[in-house]
Amino acid sequence: MTKIHTIDATDKVLGRLASEVAALLNSKDSISFVKNRVEDVQVKVVNASKMKVTGNKMKESVHKSYSGYPGGLKEMPLRYVVEKHGYAKLLTHAVHGMLPKNRLQEIRMKNLVIEE
């Protein structure tokens, strides 16, 4: 039986929301937590476009993506990422960085649903 957590992102700060989502995806608060297994948990974030990005991060913070090829590093400010992909991309990137770096990381990311 899938346990579904719904989080309203209205007026929440990006980093704090991402850490809350990452903690739920890890399921460390679950009684049946085991390090090498992914719990049957789904996290749904609604109103992602109403989330706050504090300070000058929209202008100064840089989102990097690397294609794997020489010269394939792309850097762009967060406001361009939001214009092109939306706030869901920002939250996805932040949560991805907060999960453990192992083979379960991508499986846990599939349990994240973001609605703008």
PDB file of N, CA and C in Angstrom:
ATOM      1  N   MET A   1       0.841  -1.181   0.000  1.00  0.00           N
ATOM      2  CA  MET A   1       0.000   0.000   0.000  1.00  0.00           C
ATOM      3  C   MET A   1       0.888   1.246   0.000  1.00  0.00           C
ATOM      4  N   THR A   2       0.683   2.074  -0.973  1.00  0.00           N
ATOM      5  CA  THR A   2       1.495   3.275  -1.124  1.00  0.00           C
ATOM      6  C   THR A   2       1.041   4.358  -0.149  1.00  0.00           C
ATOM      7  N   LYS A   3       1.992   4.919   0.564  1.00  0.00           N
ATOM      8  CA  LYS A   3       1.692   6.035   1.447  1.00  0.00           C
ATOM      9  C   LYS A   3       1.970   7.318   0.678  1.00  0.00           C
ATOM     10  N   ILE A   4       0.977   8.195   0.594  1.00  0.00           N
ATOM     11  CA  ILE A   4       1.098   9.428  -0.190  1.00  0.00           C
ATOM     12  C   ILE A   4       1.169  10.622   0.758  1.00  0.00           C
ATOM     13  N   HIS A   5       2.220  11.419   0.604  1.00  0.00           N
ATOM     14  CA  HIS A   5       2.372  12.664   1.356  1.00  0.00           C
ATOM     15  C   HIS A   5       2.112  13.814   0.391  1.00  0.00           C
ATOM     16  N   THR A   6       1.256  14.740   0.751  1.00  0.00           N
ATOM     17  CA  THR A   6       0.984  15.913  -0.076  1.00  0.00           C
ATOM     18  C   THR A   6       1.490  17.146   0.656  1.00  0.00           C
ATOM     19  N   ILE A   7       2.307  17.942  -0.035  1.00  0.00           N
ATOM     20  CA  ILE A   7       2.892  19.145   0.551  1.00  0.00           C
ATOM     21  C   ILE A   7       2.479  20.341  -0.291  1.00  0.00           C
ATOM     22  N   ASP A   8       1.965  21.379   0.374  1.00  0.00           N
ATOM     23  CA  ASP A   8       1.623  22.621  -0.311  1.00  0.00           C
ATOM     24  C   ASP A   8       2.836  23.544  -0.239  1.00  0.00           C
ATOM     25  N   ALA A   9       3.367  23.936  -1.392  1.00  0.00           N
ATOM     26  CA  ALA A   9       4.604  24.722  -1.458  1.00  0.00           C
ATOM     27  C   ALA A   9       4.366  26.223  -1.367  1.00  0.00           C
ATOM     28  N   THR A  10       3.138  26.650  -1.160  1.00  0.00           N
ATOM     29  CA  THR A  10       2.830  28.072  -1.107  1.00  0.00           C
ATOM     30  C   THR A  10       3.598  28.739   0.026  1.00  0.00           C
ATOM     31  N   ASP A  11       4.362  29.777  -0.307  1.00  0.00           N
ATOM     32  CA  ASP A  11       5.145  30.585   0.635  1.00  0.00           C
ATOM     33  C   ASP A  11       6.197  29.794   1.405  1.00  0.00           C
ATOM     34  N   LYS A  12       6.648  28.668   0.887  1.00  0.00           N
ATOM     35  CA  LYS A  12       7.744  27.932   1.512  1.00  0.00           C
ATOM     36  C   LYS A  12       9.026  28.224   0.739  1.00  0.00           C
ATOM     37  N   VAL A  13      10.140  28.239   1.452  1.00  0.00           N
ATOM     38  CA  VAL A  13      11.436  28.538   0.848  1.00  0.00           C
ATOM     39  C   VAL A  13      11.971  27.274   0.162  1.00  0.00           C
ATOM     40  N   LEU A  14      12.624  27.454  -0.970  1.00  0.00           N
ATOM     41  CA  LEU A  14      13.075  26.348  -1.813  1.00  0.00           C
ATOM     42  C   LEU A  14      13.897  25.305  -1.055  1.00  0.00           C
ATOM     43  N   GLY A  15      14.938  25.713  -0.346  1.00  0.00           N
ATOM     44  CA  GLY A  15      15.819  24.768   0.323  1.00  0.00           C
ATOM     45  C   GLY A  15      15.140  24.005   1.442  1.00  0.00           C
ATOM     46  N   ARG A  16      14.328  24.687   2.227  1.00  0.00           N
ATOM     47  CA  ARG A  16      13.639  24.033   3.343  1.00  0.00           C
ATOM     48  C   ARG A  16      12.588  23.057   2.837  1.00  0.00           C
ATOM     49  N   LEU A  17      11.928  23.428   1.746  1.00  0.00           N
ATOM     50  CA  LEU A  17      10.946  22.528   1.137  1.00  0.00           C
ATOM     51  C   LEU A  17      11.646  21.294   0.571  1.00  0.00           C
ATOM     52  N   ALA A  18      12.789  21.499  -0.073  1.00  0.00           N
ATOM     53  CA  ALA A  18      13.532  20.382  -0.666  1.00  0.00           C
ATOM     54  C   ALA A  18      14.033  19.417   0.401  1.00  0.00           C
ATOM     55  N   SER A  19      14.487  19.939   1.533  1.00  0.00           N
ATOM     56  CA  SER A  19      14.961  19.046   2.594  1.00  0.00           C
ATOM     57  C   SER A  19      13.812  18.267   3.221  1.00  0.00           C
ATOM     58  N   GLU A  20      12.647  18.886   3.311  1.00  0.00           N
ATOM     59  CA  GLU A  20      11.456  18.193   3.826  1.00  0.00           C
ATOM     60  C   GLU A  20      11.047  17.050   2.891  1.00  0.00           C
ATOM     61  N   VAL A  21      11.063  17.332   1.580  1.00  0.00           N
ATOM     62  CA  VAL A  21      10.703  16.321   0.580  1.00  0.00           C
ATOM     63  C   VAL A  21      11.731  15.185   0.579  1.00  0.00           C
ATOM     64  N   ALA A  22      13.014  15.517   0.664  1.00  0.00           N
ATOM     65  CA  ALA A  22      14.068  14.491   0.665  1.00  0.00           C
ATOM     66  C   ALA A  22      13.949  13.581   1.885  1.00  0.00           C
ATOM     67  N   ALA A  23      13.610  14.147   3.025  1.00  0.00           N
ATOM     68  CA  ALA A  23      13.444  13.338   4.231  1.00  0.00           C
ATOM     69  C   ALA A  23      12.277  12.367   4.086  1.00  0.00           C
ATOM     70  N   LEU A  24      11.197  12.819   3.461  1.00  0.00           N
ATOM     71  CA  LEU A  24      10.047  11.933   3.253  1.00  0.00           C
ATOM     72  C   LEU A  24      10.369  10.839   2.240  1.00  0.00           C
ATOM     73  N   LEU A  25      11.129  11.174   1.193  1.00  0.00           N
ATOM     74  CA  LEU A  25      11.492  10.169   0.194  1.00  0.00           C
ATOM     75  C   LEU A  25      12.441   9.119   0.767  1.00  0.00           C
ATOM     76  N   ASN A  26      13.314   9.520   1.703  1.00  0.00           N
ATOM     77  CA  ASN A  26      14.218   8.571   2.338  1.00  0.00           C
ATOM     78  C   ASN A  26      13.478   7.608   3.251  1.00  0.00           C
ATOM     79  N   SER A  27      12.356   8.029   3.824  1.00  0.00           N
ATOM     80  CA  SER A  27      11.521   7.224   4.725  1.00  0.00           C
ATOM     81  C   SER A  27      12.266   6.767   5.968  1.00  0.00           C
ATOM     82  N   LYS A  28      13.164   7.600   6.476  1.00  0.00           N
ATOM     83  CA  LYS A  28      13.909   7.208   7.671  1.00  0.00           C
ATOM     84  C   LYS A  28      13.021   7.220   8.908  1.00  0.00           C
ATOM     85  N   ASP A  29      11.888   7.903   8.850  1.00  0.00           N
ATOM     86  CA  ASP A  29      10.984   7.922   9.992  1.00  0.00           C
ATOM     87  C   ASP A  29      10.085   6.687  10.036  1.00  0.00           C
ATOM     88  N   SER A  30      10.144   5.862   9.012  1.00  0.00           N
ATOM     89  CA  SER A  30       9.309   4.669   8.930  1.00  0.00           C
ATOM     90  C   SER A  30       9.823   3.574   9.871  1.00  0.00           C
ATOM     91  N   ILE A  31       8.904   2.779  10.366  1.00  0.00           N
ATOM     92  CA  ILE A  31       9.267   1.677  11.260  1.00  0.00           C
ATOM     93  C   ILE A  31      10.032   0.607  10.497  1.00  0.00           C
ATOM     94  N   SER A  32       9.646   0.398   9.250  1.00  0.00           N
ATOM     95  CA  SER A  32      10.254  -0.668   8.450  1.00  0.00           C
ATOM     96  C   SER A  32      11.411  -0.166   7.586  1.00  0.00           C
ATOM     97  N   PHE A  33      12.135   0.874   8.049  1.00  0.00           N
ATOM     98  CA  PHE A  33      13.240   1.434   7.274  1.00  0.00           C
ATOM     99  C   PHE A  33      14.396   0.446   7.175  1.00  0.00           C
ATOM    100  N   VAL A  34      14.853   0.227   5.945  1.00  0.00           N
ATOM    101  CA  VAL A  34      16.049  -0.571   5.676  1.00  0.00           C
ATOM    102  C   VAL A  34      16.872   0.219   4.667  1.00  0.00           C
ATOM    103  N   LYS A  35      18.198   0.287   4.869  1.00  0.00           N
ATOM    104  CA  LYS A  35      19.053   1.124   4.029  1.00  0.00           C
ATOM    105  C   LYS A  35      19.043   0.741   2.562  1.00  0.00           C
ATOM    106  N   ASN A  36      18.923  -0.553   2.283  1.00  0.00           N
ATOM    107  CA  ASN A  36      19.077  -1.012   0.907  1.00  0.00           C
ATOM    108  C   ASN A  36      17.753  -1.209   0.183  1.00  0.00           C
ATOM    109  N   ARG A  37      16.654  -0.663   0.725  1.00  0.00           N
ATOM    110  CA  ARG A  37      15.354  -0.802   0.086  1.00  0.00           C
ATOM    111  C   ARG A  37      14.631   0.528   0.030  1.00  0.00           C
ATOM    112  N   VAL A  38      13.841   0.727  -1.014  1.00  0.00           N
ATOM    113  CA  VAL A  38      13.051   1.940  -1.146  1.00  0.00           C
ATOM    114  C   VAL A  38      11.655   1.646  -0.617  1.00  0.00           C
ATOM    115  N   GLU A  39      11.197   2.484   0.309  1.00  0.00           N
ATOM    116  CA  GLU A  39       9.852   2.333   0.850  1.00  0.00           C
ATOM    117  C   GLU A  39       8.823   2.694  -0.211  1.00  0.00           C
ATOM    118  N   ASP A  40       7.621   2.200  -0.032  1.00  0.00           N
ATOM    119  CA  ASP A  40       6.527   2.487  -0.964  1.00  0.00           C
ATOM    120  C   ASP A  40       5.868   3.805  -0.561  1.00  0.00           C
ATOM    121  N   VAL A  41       6.553   4.911  -0.846  1.00  0.00           N
ATOM    122  CA  VAL A  41       6.124   6.246  -0.451  1.00  0.00           C
ATOM    123  C   VAL A  41       6.100   7.138  -1.685  1.00  0.00           C
ATOM    124  N   GLN A  42       5.059   7.944  -1.806  1.00  0.00           N
ATOM    125  CA  GLN A  42       5.001   8.917  -2.895  1.00  0.00           C
ATOM    126  C   GLN A  42       4.817  10.298  -2.283  1.00  0.00           C
ATOM    127  N   VAL A  43       5.625  11.257  -2.742  1.00  0.00           N
ATOM    128  CA  VAL A  43       5.539  12.629  -2.254  1.00  0.00           C
ATOM    129  C   VAL A  43       5.021  13.496  -3.387  1.00  0.00           C
ATOM    130  N   LYS A  44       3.922  14.198  -3.126  1.00  0.00           N
ATOM    131  CA  LYS A  44       3.300  15.061  -4.132  1.00  0.00           C
ATOM    132  C   LYS A  44       3.405  16.503  -3.646  1.00  0.00           C
ATOM    133  N   VAL A  45       4.016  17.363  -4.447  1.00  0.00           N
ATOM    134  CA  VAL A  45       4.161  18.773  -4.118  1.00  0.00           C
ATOM    135  C   VAL A  45       3.234  19.567  -5.022  1.00  0.00           C
ATOM    136  N   VAL A  46       2.335  20.339  -4.418  1.00  0.00           N
ATOM    137  CA  VAL A  46       1.400  21.156  -5.192  1.00  0.00           C
ATOM    138  C   VAL A  46       1.761  22.632  -5.026  1.00  0.00           C
ATOM    139  N   ASN A  47       1.366  23.452  -5.976  1.00  0.00           N
ATOM    140  CA  ASN A  47       1.621  24.898  -6.006  1.00  0.00           C
ATOM    141  C   ASN A  47       3.112  25.220  -5.978  1.00  0.00           C
ATOM    142  N   ALA A  48       3.905  24.506  -6.767  1.00  0.00           N
ATOM    143  CA  ALA A  48       5.355  24.738  -6.795  1.00  0.00           C
ATOM    144  C   ALA A  48       5.698  26.125  -7.326  1.00  0.00           C
ATOM    145  N   SER A  49       4.853  26.685  -8.160  1.00  0.00           N
ATOM    146  CA  SER A  49       5.138  28.011  -8.718  1.00  0.00           C
ATOM    147  C   SER A  49       4.959  29.118  -7.682  1.00  0.00           C
ATOM    148  N   LYS A  50       4.329  28.822  -6.538  1.00  0.00           N
ATOM    149  CA  LYS A  50       4.131  29.819  -5.488  1.00  0.00           C
ATOM    150  C   LYS A  50       5.199  29.735  -4.398  1.00  0.00           C
ATOM    151  N   MET A  51       6.217  28.904  -4.633  1.00  0.00           N
ATOM    152  CA  MET A  51       7.283  28.756  -3.657  1.00  0.00           C
ATOM    153  C   MET A  51       8.213  29.968  -3.729  1.00  0.00           C
ATOM    154  N   LYS A  52       8.873  30.277  -2.610  1.00  0.00           N
ATOM    155  CA  LYS A  52       9.757  31.441  -2.542  1.00  0.00           C
ATOM    156  C   LYS A  52      11.198  31.043  -2.846  1.00  0.00           C
ATOM    157  N   VAL A  53      11.896  31.924  -3.550  1.00  0.00           N
ATOM    158  CA  VAL A  53      13.339  31.808  -3.721  1.00  0.00           C
ATOM    159  C   VAL A  53      13.896  33.098  -3.136  1.00  0.00           C
ATOM    160  N   THR A  54      14.577  32.993  -1.991  1.00  0.00           N
ATOM    161  CA  THR A  54      14.959  34.171  -1.228  1.00  0.00           C
ATOM    162  C   THR A  54      16.220  34.840  -1.769  1.00  0.00           C
ATOM    163  N   GLY A  55      16.392  36.094  -1.383  1.00  0.00           N
ATOM    164  CA  GLY A  55      17.593  36.847  -1.736  1.00  0.00           C
ATOM    165  C   GLY A  55      17.717  37.104  -3.228  1.00  0.00           C
ATOM    166  N   ASN A  56      18.955  37.193  -3.700  1.00  0.00           N
ATOM    167  CA  ASN A  56      19.230  37.441  -5.114  1.00  0.00           C
ATOM    168  C   ASN A  56      19.543  36.154  -5.862  1.00  0.00           C
ATOM    169  N   LYS A  57      19.039  35.023  -5.362  1.00  0.00           N
ATOM    170  CA  LYS A  57      19.373  33.740  -5.976  1.00  0.00           C
ATOM    171  C   LYS A  57      18.899  33.642  -7.414  1.00  0.00           C
ATOM    172  N   MET A  58      17.800  34.286  -7.752  1.00  0.00           N
ATOM    173  CA  MET A  58      17.289  34.218  -9.125  1.00  0.00           C
ATOM    174  C   MET A  58      18.280  34.831 -10.117  1.00  0.00           C
ATOM    175  N   LYS A  59      19.047  35.824  -9.674  1.00  0.00           N
ATOM    176  CA  LYS A  59      20.010  36.464 -10.573  1.00  0.00           C
ATOM    177  C   LYS A  59      21.415  35.893 -10.422  1.00  0.00           C
ATOM    178  N   GLU A  60      21.821  35.623  -9.175  1.00  0.00           N
ATOM    179  CA  GLU A  60      23.215  35.289  -8.910  1.00  0.00           C
ATOM    180  C   GLU A  60      23.515  33.798  -8.888  1.00  0.00           C
ATOM    181  N   SER A  61      22.585  32.996  -8.409  1.00  0.00           N
ATOM    182  CA  SER A  61      22.821  31.555  -8.315  1.00  0.00           C
ATOM    183  C   SER A  61      22.801  30.938  -9.709  1.00  0.00           C
ATOM    184  N   VAL A  62      23.699  29.983  -9.920  1.00  0.00           N
ATOM    185  CA  VAL A  62      23.883  29.412 -11.251  1.00  0.00           C
ATOM    186  C   VAL A  62      23.498  27.943 -11.240  1.00  0.00           C
ATOM    187  N   HIS A  63      22.677  27.544 -12.199  1.00  0.00           N
ATOM    188  CA  HIS A  63      22.277  26.151 -12.384  1.00  0.00           C
ATOM    189  C   HIS A  63      23.192  25.552 -13.448  1.00  0.00           C
ATOM    190  N   LYS A  64      23.872  24.449 -13.112  1.00  0.00           N
ATOM    191  CA  LYS A  64      24.810  23.834 -14.046  1.00  0.00           C
ATOM    192  C   LYS A  64      24.253  22.511 -14.540  1.00  0.00           C
ATOM    193  N   SER A  65      24.433  22.256 -15.823  1.00  0.00           N
ATOM    194  CA  SER A  65      24.102  20.944 -16.379  1.00  0.00           C
ATOM    195  C   SER A  65      25.232  20.533 -17.310  1.00  0.00           C
ATOM    196  N   TYR A  66      25.615  19.277 -17.230  1.00  0.00           N
ATOM    197  CA  TYR A  66      26.747  18.779 -17.995  1.00  0.00           C
ATOM    198  C   TYR A  66      26.281  17.627 -18.873  1.00  0.00           C
ATOM    199  N   SER A  67      26.549  17.724 -20.155  1.00  0.00           N
ATOM    200  CA  SER A  67      26.097  16.708 -21.104  1.00  0.00           C
ATOM    201  C   SER A  67      26.990  15.474 -21.120  1.00  0.00           C
ATOM    202  N   GLY A  68      28.210  15.584 -20.603  1.00  0.00           N
ATOM    203  CA  GLY A  68      29.139  14.464 -20.613  1.00  0.00           C
ATOM    204  C   GLY A  68      30.185  14.590 -21.702  1.00  0.00           C
ATOM    205  N   TYR A  69      29.993  15.530 -22.608  1.00  0.00           N
ATOM    206  CA  TYR A  69      30.943  15.757 -23.687  1.00  0.00           C
ATOM    207  C   TYR A  69      31.873  16.910 -23.340  1.00  0.00           C
ATOM    208  N   PRO A  70      33.081  16.948 -23.943  1.00  0.00           N
ATOM    209  CA  PRO A  70      33.972  18.075 -23.706  1.00  0.00           C
ATOM    210  C   PRO A  70      33.308  19.383 -24.141  1.00  0.00           C
ATOM    211  N   GLY A  71      33.363  20.376 -23.284  1.00  0.00           N
ATOM    212  CA  GLY A  71      32.729  21.657 -23.584  1.00  0.00           C
ATOM    213  C   GLY A  71      31.222  21.619 -23.401  1.00  0.00           C
ATOM    214  N   GLY A  72      30.697  20.596 -22.753  1.00  0.00           N
ATOM    215  CA  GLY A  72      29.253  20.431 -22.623  1.00  0.00           C
ATOM    216  C   GLY A  72      28.675  20.956 -21.325  1.00  0.00           C
ATOM    217  N   LEU A  73      29.426  21.800 -20.594  1.00  0.00           N
ATOM    218  CA  LEU A  73      28.923  22.369 -19.355  1.00  0.00           C
ATOM    219  C   LEU A  73      28.115  23.620 -19.666  1.00  0.00           C
ATOM    220  N   LYS A  74      26.843  23.615 -19.274  1.00  0.00           N
ATOM    221  CA  LYS A  74      25.984  24.779 -19.472  1.00  0.00           C
ATOM    222  C   LYS A  74      25.693  25.398 -18.116  1.00  0.00           C
ATOM    223  N   GLU A  75      25.859  26.703 -18.030  1.00  0.00           N
ATOM    224  CA  GLU A  75      25.572  27.433 -16.805  1.00  0.00           C
ATOM    225  C   GLU A  75      24.561  28.517 -17.128  1.00  0.00           C
ATOM    226  N   MET A  76      23.497  28.582 -16.318  1.00  0.00           N
ATOM    227  CA  MET A  76      22.529  29.649 -16.502  1.00  0.00           C
ATOM    228  C   MET A  76      21.927  30.049 -15.162  1.00  0.00           C
ATOM    229  N   PRO A  77      21.593  31.341 -14.998  1.00  0.00           N
ATOM    230  CA  PRO A  77      20.974  31.797 -13.751  1.00  0.00           C
ATOM    231  C   PRO A  77      19.611  31.122 -13.538  1.00  0.00           C
ATOM    232  N   LEU A  78      19.178  31.080 -12.286  1.00  0.00           N
ATOM    233  CA  LEU A  78      17.940  30.377 -11.955  1.00  0.00           C
ATOM    234  C   LEU A  78      16.717  30.965 -12.672  1.00  0.00           C
ATOM    235  N   ARG A  79      16.720  32.276 -12.934  1.00  0.00           N
ATOM    236  CA  ARG A  79      15.529  32.847 -13.589  1.00  0.00           C
ATOM    237  C   ARG A  79      15.346  32.299 -15.001  1.00  0.00           C
ATOM    238  N   TYR A  80      16.441  31.976 -15.699  1.00  0.00           N
ATOM    239  CA  TYR A  80      16.315  31.379 -17.027  1.00  0.00           C
ATOM    240  C   TYR A  80      15.818  29.939 -16.940  1.00  0.00           C
ATOM    241  N   VAL A  81      16.246  29.234 -15.897  1.00  0.00           N
ATOM    242  CA  VAL A  81      15.768  27.859 -15.693  1.00  0.00           C
ATOM    243  C   VAL A  81      14.261  27.880 -15.435  1.00  0.00           C
ATOM    244  N   VAL A  82      13.806  28.856 -14.627  1.00  0.00           N
ATOM    245  CA  VAL A  82      12.374  28.966 -14.322  1.00  0.00           C
ATOM    246  C   VAL A  82      11.591  29.330 -15.572  1.00  0.00           C
ATOM    247  N   GLU A  83      12.118  30.244 -16.389  1.00  0.00           N
ATOM    248  CA  GLU A  83      11.433  30.636 -17.630  1.00  0.00           C
ATOM    249  C   GLU A  83      11.322  29.463 -18.593  1.00  0.00           C
ATOM    250  N   LYS A  84      12.385  28.666 -18.676  1.00  0.00           N
ATOM    251  CA  LYS A  84      12.430  27.579 -19.651  1.00  0.00           C
ATOM    252  C   LYS A  84      11.724  26.316 -19.171  1.00  0.00           C
ATOM    253  N   HIS A  85      11.974  25.912 -17.893  1.00  0.00           N
ATOM    254  CA  HIS A  85      11.479  24.627 -17.398  1.00  0.00           C
ATOM    255  C   HIS A  85      10.467  24.748 -16.268  1.00  0.00           C
ATOM    256  N   GLY A  86      10.394  25.904 -15.598  1.00  0.00           N
ATOM    257  CA  GLY A  86       9.465  26.079 -14.495  1.00  0.00           C
ATOM    258  C   GLY A  86      10.099  25.790 -13.152  1.00  0.00           C
ATOM    259  N   TYR A  87       9.334  26.063 -12.100  1.00  0.00           N
ATOM    260  CA  TYR A  87       9.815  25.872 -10.737  1.00  0.00           C
ATOM    261  C   TYR A  87      10.007  24.397 -10.396  1.00  0.00           C
ATOM    262  N   ALA A  88       9.341  23.521 -11.105  1.00  0.00           N
ATOM    263  CA  ALA A  88       9.473  22.087 -10.847  1.00  0.00           C
ATOM    264  C   ALA A  88      10.916  21.627 -11.065  1.00  0.00           C
ATOM    265  N   LYS A  89      11.587  22.183 -12.050  1.00  0.00           N
ATOM    266  CA  LYS A  89      12.980  21.819 -12.335  1.00  0.00           C
ATOM    267  C   LYS A  89      13.896  22.229 -11.175  1.00  0.00           C
ATOM    268  N   LEU A  90      13.654  23.425 -10.600  1.00  0.00           N
ATOM    269  CA  LEU A  90      14.456  23.883  -9.470  1.00  0.00           C
ATOM    270  C   LEU A  90      14.303  22.947  -8.273  1.00  0.00           C
ATOM    271  N   LEU A  91      13.055  22.603  -7.971  1.00  0.00           N
ATOM    272  CA  LEU A  91      12.796  21.740  -6.825  1.00  0.00           C
ATOM    273  C   LEU A  91      13.344  20.333  -7.052  1.00  0.00           C
ATOM    274  N   THR A  92      13.199  19.830  -8.256  1.00  0.00           N
ATOM    275  CA  THR A  92      13.723  18.507  -8.587  1.00  0.00           C
ATOM    276  C   THR A  92      15.236  18.467  -8.419  1.00  0.00           C
ATOM    277  N   HIS A  93      15.914  19.492  -8.896  1.00  0.00           N
ATOM    278  CA  HIS A  93      17.375  19.568  -8.801  1.00  0.00           C
ATOM    279  C   HIS A  93      17.824  19.637  -7.343  1.00  0.00           C
ATOM    280  N   ALA A  94      17.107  20.413  -6.529  1.00  0.00           N
ATOM    281  CA  ALA A  94      17.455  20.563  -5.119  1.00  0.00           C
ATOM    282  C   ALA A  94      17.251  19.258  -4.353  1.00  0.00           C
ATOM    283  N   VAL A  95      16.133  18.581  -4.599  1.00  0.00           N
ATOM    284  CA  VAL A  95      15.844  17.323  -3.905  1.00  0.00           C
ATOM    285  C   VAL A  95      16.842  16.248  -4.334  1.00  0.00           C
ATOM    286  N   HIS A  96      17.172  16.208  -5.613  1.00  0.00           N
ATOM    287  CA  HIS A  96      18.123  15.229  -6.146  1.00  0.00           C
ATOM    288  C   HIS A  96      19.473  15.362  -5.447  1.00  0.00           C
ATOM    289  N   GLY A  97      19.883  16.593  -5.187  1.00  0.00           N
ATOM    290  CA  GLY A  97      21.151  16.833  -4.510  1.00  0.00           C
ATOM    291  C   GLY A  97      21.138  16.454  -3.042  1.00  0.00           C
ATOM    292  N   MET A  98      19.963  16.356  -2.435  1.00  0.00           N
ATOM    293  CA  MET A  98      19.855  16.046  -1.008  1.00  0.00           C
ATOM    294  C   MET A  98      19.666  14.560  -0.719  1.00  0.00           C
ATOM    295  N   LEU A  99      19.414  13.768  -1.737  1.00  0.00           N
ATOM    296  CA  LEU A  99      19.259  12.326  -1.537  1.00  0.00           C
ATOM    297  C   LEU A  99      20.623  11.643  -1.530  1.00  0.00           C
ATOM    298  N   PRO A 100      20.738  10.470  -0.892  1.00  0.00           N
ATOM    299  CA  PRO A 100      22.010   9.750  -0.886  1.00  0.00           C
ATOM    300  C   PRO A 100      22.446   9.370  -2.296  1.00  0.00           C
ATOM    301  N   LYS A 101      23.737   9.466  -2.545  1.00  0.00           N
ATOM    302  CA  LYS A 101      24.271   9.174  -3.878  1.00  0.00           C
ATOM    303  C   LYS A 101      24.528   7.683  -4.018  1.00  0.00           C
ATOM    304  N   ASN A 102      23.495   6.929  -4.341  1.00  0.00           N
ATOM    305  CA  ASN A 102      23.630   5.494  -4.552  1.00  0.00           C
ATOM    306  C   ASN A 102      22.644   5.049  -5.628  1.00  0.00           C
ATOM    307  N   ARG A 103      22.541   3.755  -5.851  1.00  0.00           N
ATOM    308  CA  ARG A 103      21.700   3.276  -6.950  1.00  0.00           C
ATOM    309  C   ARG A 103      20.207   3.443  -6.675  1.00  0.00           C
ATOM    310  N   LEU A 104      19.843   3.784  -5.448  1.00  0.00           N
ATOM    311  CA  LEU A 104      18.439   3.992  -5.113  1.00  0.00           C
ATOM    312  C   LEU A 104      17.984   5.437  -5.336  1.00  0.00           C
ATOM    313  N   GLN A 105      18.940   6.318  -5.634  1.00  0.00           N
ATOM    314  CA  GLN A 105      18.617   7.739  -5.780  1.00  0.00           C
ATOM    315  C   GLN A 105      17.585   7.979  -6.888  1.00  0.00           C
ATOM    316  N   GLU A 106      17.797   7.410  -8.050  1.00  0.00           N
ATOM    317  CA  GLU A 106      16.875   7.616  -9.174  1.00  0.00           C
ATOM    318  C   GLU A 106      15.524   6.941  -8.923  1.00  0.00           C
ATOM    319  N   ILE A 107      15.532   5.825  -8.239  1.00  0.00           N
ATOM    320  CA  ILE A 107      14.276   5.136  -7.920  1.00  0.00           C
ATOM    321  C   ILE A 107      13.452   5.999  -6.969  1.00  0.00           C
ATOM    322  N   ARG A 108      14.116   6.607  -6.000  1.00  0.00           N
ATOM    323  CA  ARG A 108      13.400   7.504  -5.070  1.00  0.00           C
ATOM    324  C   ARG A 108      12.886   8.738  -5.791  1.00  0.00           C
ATOM    325  N   MET A 109      13.649   9.254  -6.740  1.00  0.00           N
ATOM    326  CA  MET A 109      13.206  10.441  -7.484  1.00  0.00           C
ATOM    327  C   MET A 109      11.953  10.165  -8.299  1.00  0.00           C
ATOM    328  N   LYS A 110      11.747   8.920  -8.714  1.00  0.00           N
ATOM    329  CA  LYS A 110      10.535   8.586  -9.459  1.00  0.00           C
ATOM    330  C   LYS A 110       9.295   8.660  -8.584  1.00  0.00           C
ATOM    331  N   ASN A 111       9.471   8.647  -7.275  1.00  0.00           N
ATOM    332  CA  ASN A 111       8.343   8.737  -6.354  1.00  0.00           C
ATOM    333  C   ASN A 111       7.984  10.173  -6.019  1.00  0.00           C
ATOM    334  N   LEU A 112       8.619  11.133  -6.687  1.00  0.00           N
ATOM    335  CA  LEU A 112       8.336  12.555  -6.464  1.00  0.00           C
ATOM    336  C   LEU A 112       7.481  13.078  -7.614  1.00  0.00           C
ATOM    337  N   VAL A 113       6.347  13.688  -7.269  1.00  0.00           N
ATOM    338  CA  VAL A 113       5.443  14.279  -8.256  1.00  0.00           C
ATOM    339  C   VAL A 113       5.304  15.761  -7.916  1.00  0.00           C
ATOM    340  N   ILE A 114       5.582  16.620  -8.901  1.00  0.00           N
ATOM    341  CA  ILE A 114       5.515  18.063  -8.672  1.00  0.00           C
ATOM    342  C   ILE A 114       4.494  18.672  -9.620  1.00  0.00           C
ATOM    343  N   GLU A 115       3.545  19.437  -9.040  1.00  0.00           N
ATOM    344  CA  GLU A 115       2.540  20.153  -9.830  1.00  0.00           C
ATOM    345  C   GLU A 115       2.764  21.646  -9.636  1.00  0.00           C
ATOM    346  N   GLU A 116       2.717  22.380 -10.728  1.00  0.00           N
ATOM    347  CA  GLU A 116       2.955  23.825 -10.636  1.00  0.00           C
ATOM    348  C   GLU A 116       1.717  24.589 -10.317  1.00  0.00           C
TER     349      GLU A 116
END
